[in-house]
C-alpha atoms as a PDB file:
ATOM      1  CA  MET A   1     -22.590 206.072 137.404  1.00  0.00           C
ATOM      2  CA  GLU A   2     -25.703 206.445 135.273  1.00  0.00           C
ATOM      3  CA  ARG A   3     -25.560 204.853 131.832  1.00  0.00           C
ATOM      4  CA  ARG A   4     -27.387 206.323 128.912  1.00  0.00           C
ATOM      5  CA  ASN A   5     -30.028 204.245 127.215  1.00  0.00           C
ATOM      6  CA  THR A   6     -28.642 203.397 123.794  1.00  0.00           C
ATOM      7  CA  ARG A   7     -30.583 202.271 120.746  1.00  0.00           C
ATOM      8  CA  GLN A   8     -28.859 198.868 120.955  1.00  0.00           C
ATOM      9  CA  ARG A   9     -29.832 198.439 124.603  1.00  0.00           C
ATOM     10  CA  GLN A  10     -33.430 199.293 123.749  1.00  0.00           C
ATOM     11  CA  LEU A  11     -33.394 196.707 120.933  1.00  0.00           C
ATOM     12  CA  VAL A  12     -32.144 194.068 123.385  1.00  0.00           C
ATOM     13  CA  LEU A  13     -34.760 195.010 125.989  1.00  0.00           C
ATOM     14  CA  ASP A  14     -37.509 194.950 123.352  1.00  0.00           C
ATOM     15  CA  ALA A  15     -36.368 191.485 122.249  1.00  0.00           C
ATOM     16  CA  VAL A  16     -36.471 190.072 125.795  1.00  0.00           C
ATOM     17  CA  GLN A  17     -39.913 191.597 126.353  1.00  0.00           C
ATOM     18  CA  SER A  18     -41.289 190.202 123.093  1.00  0.00           C
ATOM     19  CA  LEU A  19     -39.882 186.681 123.583  1.00  0.00           C
ATOM     20  CA  CYS A  20     -41.857 185.147 126.436  1.00  0.00           C
ATOM     21  CA  ASP A  21     -40.160 181.751 126.526  1.00  0.00           C
ATOM     22  CA  HIS A  22     -37.074 182.575 128.629  1.00  0.00           C
ATOM     23  CA  PRO A  23     -34.735 183.021 125.635  1.00  0.00           C
ATOM     24  CA  THR A  24     -31.007 182.387 125.658  1.00  0.00           C
ATOM     25  CA  ALA A  25     -28.542 185.145 124.777  1.00  0.00           C
ATOM     26  CA  ASP A  26     -28.092 183.564 121.337  1.00  0.00           C
ATOM     27  CA  GLU A  27     -31.850 183.562 120.685  1.00  0.00           C
ATOM     28  CA  ILE A  28     -32.009 187.225 121.680  1.00  0.00           C
ATOM     29  CA  TYR A  29     -29.009 188.004 119.471  1.00  0.00           C
ATOM     30  CA  LEU A  30     -30.695 186.398 116.448  1.00  0.00           C
ATOM     31  CA  HIS A  31     -33.919 188.314 117.162  1.00  0.00           C
ATOM     32  CA  VAL A  32     -32.061 191.633 117.478  1.00  0.00           C
ATOM     33  CA  ARG A  33     -30.091 190.944 114.270  1.00  0.00           C
ATOM     34  CA  GLU A  34     -33.413 190.996 112.396  1.00  0.00           C
ATOM     35  CA  GLN A  35     -33.765 194.646 113.480  1.00  0.00           C
ATOM     36  CA  ASP A  36     -30.102 195.669 113.149  1.00  0.00           C
ATOM     37  CA  ALA A  37     -27.849 193.531 110.957  1.00  0.00           C
ATOM     38  CA  HIS A  38     -24.746 195.362 112.222  1.00  0.00           C
ATOM     39  CA  ILE A  39     -25.144 194.698 115.956  1.00  0.00           C
ATOM     40  CA  SER A  40     -22.479 192.395 117.373  1.00  0.00           C
ATOM     41  CA  ARG A  41     -22.961 189.402 119.608  1.00  0.00           C
ATOM     42  CA  GLY A  42     -20.759 191.098 122.234  1.00  0.00           C
ATOM     43  CA  THR A  43     -22.991 194.190 122.244  1.00  0.00           C
ATOM     44  CA  VAL A  44     -26.088 192.043 122.799  1.00  0.00           C
ATOM     45  CA  TYR A  45     -24.443 190.029 125.599  1.00  0.00           C
ATOM     46  CA  ARG A  46     -23.062 193.155 127.289  1.00  0.00           C
ATOM     47  CA  ASN A  47     -26.471 194.853 127.188  1.00  0.00           C
ATOM     48  CA  LEU A  48     -28.272 191.746 128.467  1.00  0.00           C
ATOM     49  CA  HIS A  49     -26.059 191.682 131.540  1.00  0.00           C
ATOM     50  CA  LEU A  50     -26.347 195.437 132.048  1.00  0.00           C
ATOM     51  CA  LEU A  51     -30.156 195.179 131.871  1.00  0.00           C
ATOM     52  CA  ALA A  52     -30.065 192.309 134.386  1.00  0.00           C
ATOM     53  CA  ASP A  53     -27.703 194.247 136.686  1.00  0.00           C
ATOM     54  CA  THR A  54     -30.019 197.281 136.645  1.00  0.00           C
ATOM     55  CA  GLY A  55     -33.109 195.144 137.360  1.00  0.00           C
ATOM     56  CA  GLU A  56     -34.876 195.706 134.042  1.00  0.00           C
ATOM     57  CA  ILE A  57     -34.809 191.987 133.184  1.00  0.00           C
ATOM     58  CA  LEU A  58     -34.052 188.843 135.148  1.00  0.00           C
ATOM     59  CA  SER A  59     -31.097 186.563 134.495  1.00  0.00           C
ATOM     60  CA  VAL A  60     -32.049 182.951 135.225  1.00  0.00           C
ATOM     61  CA  LYS A  61     -29.041 180.729 135.859  1.00  0.00           C
ATOM     62  CA  ALA A  62     -30.644 177.444 134.875  1.00  0.00           C
ATOM     63  CA  PRO A  63     -29.137 174.024 134.235  1.00  0.00           C
ATOM     64  CA  GLY A  64     -27.954 174.046 130.635  1.00  0.00           C
ATOM     65  CA  GLY A  65     -27.234 177.772 130.548  1.00  0.00           C
ATOM     66  CA  GLU A  66     -28.374 181.273 131.316  1.00  0.00           C
ATOM     67  CA  ARG A  67     -31.839 182.406 130.255  1.00  0.00           C
ATOM     68  CA  PHE A  68     -33.468 185.824 130.422  1.00  0.00           C
ATOM     69  CA  ASP A  69     -36.907 186.688 131.727  1.00  0.00           C
ATOM     70  CA  ARG A  70     -38.988 189.794 131.239  1.00  0.00           C
ATOM     71  CA  ARG A  71     -40.933 189.143 134.464  1.00  0.00           C
ATOM     72  CA  MET A  72     -39.440 190.803 137.520  1.00  0.00           C
ATOM     73  CA  ASP A  73     -41.943 189.619 140.135  1.00  0.00           C
ATOM     74  CA  HIS A  74     -40.890 186.824 142.473  1.00  0.00           C
ATOM     75  CA  HIS A  75     -41.649 183.469 140.880  1.00  0.00           C
ATOM     76  CA  ALA A  76     -39.993 180.096 140.486  1.00  0.00           C
ATOM     77  CA  HIS A  77     -38.727 178.528 137.270  1.00  0.00           C
ATOM     78  CA  LEU A  78     -39.162 174.924 136.162  1.00  0.00           C
ATOM     79  CA  VAL A  79     -36.554 173.556 133.742  1.00  0.00           C
ATOM     80  CA  CYS A  80     -36.990 170.404 131.663  1.00  0.00           C
ATOM     81  CA  SER A  81     -33.904 168.275 132.268  1.00  0.00           C
ATOM     82  CA  GLU A  82     -34.274 166.742 128.801  1.00  0.00           C
ATOM     83  CA  CYS A  83     -34.925 169.616 126.369  1.00  0.00           C
ATOM     84  CA  GLY A  84     -34.045 172.635 128.509  1.00  0.00           C
ATOM     85  CA  THR A  85     -37.439 174.363 128.228  1.00  0.00           C
ATOM     86  CA  VAL A  86     -37.990 176.884 131.042  1.00  0.00           C
ATOM     87  CA  ILE A  87     -41.429 177.850 132.347  1.00  0.00           C
ATOM     88  CA  ASP A  88     -42.675 180.109 135.147  1.00  0.00           C
ATOM     89  CA  VAL A  89     -44.229 178.586 138.264  1.00  0.00           C
ATOM     90  CA  PRO A  90     -46.307 180.867 140.521  1.00  0.00           C
ATOM     91  CA  LEU A  91     -44.746 179.931 143.857  1.00  0.00           C
ATOM     92  CA  PRO A  92     -44.545 182.593 146.586  1.00  0.00           C
ATOM     93  CA  PRO A  93     -41.148 183.356 148.134  1.00  0.00           C
ATOM     94  CA  ASP A  94     -40.261 181.336 151.215  1.00  0.00           C
ATOM     95  CA  ALA A  95     -39.490 184.099 153.729  1.00  0.00           C
ATOM     96  CA  GLY A  96     -39.088 181.502 156.476  1.00  0.00           C
ATOM     97  CA  LEU A  97     -36.218 179.859 154.633  1.00  0.00           C
ATOM     98  CA  CYS A  98     -34.426 183.186 154.156  1.00  0.00           C
ATOM     99  CA  LYS A  99     -34.889 184.143 157.835  1.00  0.00           C
ATOM    100  CA  LYS A 100     -33.698 180.724 159.030  1.00  0.00           C
ATOM    101  CA  THR A 101     -30.654 181.016 156.775  1.00  0.00           C
ATOM    102  CA  GLU A 102     -29.874 184.448 158.246  1.00  0.00           C
ATOM    103  CA  ASP A 103     -30.202 183.052 161.776  1.00  0.00           C
ATOM    104  CA  LEU A 104     -27.964 180.054 161.032  1.00  0.00           C
ATOM    105  CA  THR A 105     -25.248 181.907 159.130  1.00  0.00           C
ATOM    106  CA  GLY A 106     -25.202 185.493 160.358  1.00  0.00           C
ATOM    107  CA  TYR A 107     -25.790 186.745 156.804  1.00  0.00           C
ATOM    108  CA  ALA A 108     -28.172 189.673 156.309  1.00  0.00           C
ATOM    109  CA  ASN A 109     -30.752 190.458 153.616  1.00  0.00           C
ATOM    110  CA  VAL A 110     -30.855 186.857 152.344  1.00  0.00           C
ATOM    111  CA  THR A 111     -33.019 186.343 149.270  1.00  0.00           C
ATOM    112  CA  SER A 112     -33.719 183.262 147.236  1.00  0.00           C
ATOM    113  CA  SER A 113     -34.582 182.185 143.740  1.00  0.00           C
ATOM    114  CA  THR A 114     -36.089 178.815 143.012  1.00  0.00           C
ATOM    115  CA  ILE A 115     -35.203 176.647 140.046  1.00  0.00           C
ATOM    116  CA  LEU A 116     -36.925 173.283 139.893  1.00  0.00           C
ATOM    117  CA  THR A 117     -36.120 170.563 137.378  1.00  0.00           C
ATOM    118  CA  GLY A 118     -38.248 167.822 135.907  1.00  0.00           C
ATOM    119  CA  ILE A 119     -39.275 166.274 132.608  1.00  0.00           C
ATOM    120  CA  CYS A 120     -41.852 168.230 130.598  1.00  0.00           C
ATOM    121  CA  PRO A 121     -44.952 166.493 129.188  1.00  0.00           C
ATOM    122  CA  SER A 122     -43.571 166.541 125.612  1.00  0.00           C
ATOM    123  CA  CYS A 123     -40.332 164.850 126.627  1.00  0.00           C
ATOM    124  CA  GLN A 124     -42.232 162.334 128.767  1.00  0.00           C
ATOM    125  CA  LYS A 125     -44.221 161.293 125.700  1.00  0.00           C
ATOM    126  CA  ARG A 126     -41.097 161.157 123.531  1.00  0.00           C
ATOM    127  CA  LEU A 127     -39.228 159.057 126.128  1.00  0.00           C
ATOM    128  CA  GLU A 128     -42.165 156.691 126.609  1.00  0.00           C
ATOM    129  CA  LYS A 129     -42.466 156.218 122.845  1.00  0.00           C
ATOM    130  CA  ALA A 130     -38.711 155.601 122.502  1.00  0.00           C
ATOM    131  CA  ALA A 131     -38.820 153.082 125.365  1.00  0.00           C
ATOM    132  CA  GLY A 132     -41.735 151.242 123.811  1.00  0.00           C
ATOM    133  CA  GLY A 133     -44.590 152.120 126.130  1.00  0.00           C
ATOM    134  CA  GLU A 134     -45.914 153.977 129.124  1.00  0.00           C
ATOM    135  CA  GLY A 135     -44.067 154.051 132.405  1.00  0.00           C
ATOM    136  CA  ALA A 136     -40.754 153.109 130.817  1.00  0.00           C
ATOM    137  CA  MET A 137     -39.009 156.482 130.988  1.00  0.00           C
ATOM    138  CA  ARG A 138     -35.271 156.506 131.432  1.00  0.00           C
ATOM    139  CA  PRO A 139     -33.578 158.649 134.093  1.00  0.00           C
ATOM    140  CA  ALA A 140     -33.219 162.341 133.256  1.00  0.00           C
ATOM    141  CA  ARG A 141     -29.947 163.819 132.139  1.00  0.00           C
ATOM    142  CA  MET A 142     -28.909 167.400 132.749  1.00  0.00           C
ATOM    143  CA  ALA A 143     -28.343 169.518 129.630  1.00  0.00           C
END
């Protein structure tokens, strides 16, 4: 079934494409509300998932919640386990892992997405300052 491209869907797509920091659905909703004060949160969420299902944007299921990405090429994501910031990492897909998984499980057409976690430089500085010096970071917590 082909869906028509509505004005609301275009507003949501435009918002994802203009926000290059892997926004949350709420951040996209607030951005879209600046263009259309009458659009509902449900309409934004529904259109985000429709756009992800049709391959126009990428849904990134990251620790701390779902994010959306305008980039559709294969790349990894790195999530800060302290503040939740998400950045792109230019890692190539690991075709060997997918093939080995197919061989071991009998599954076909296996694909992968990579989400790495760590502590971003800003949080490292904040944690070191809070701990009273360098090298005294506390263990990361998941958002």
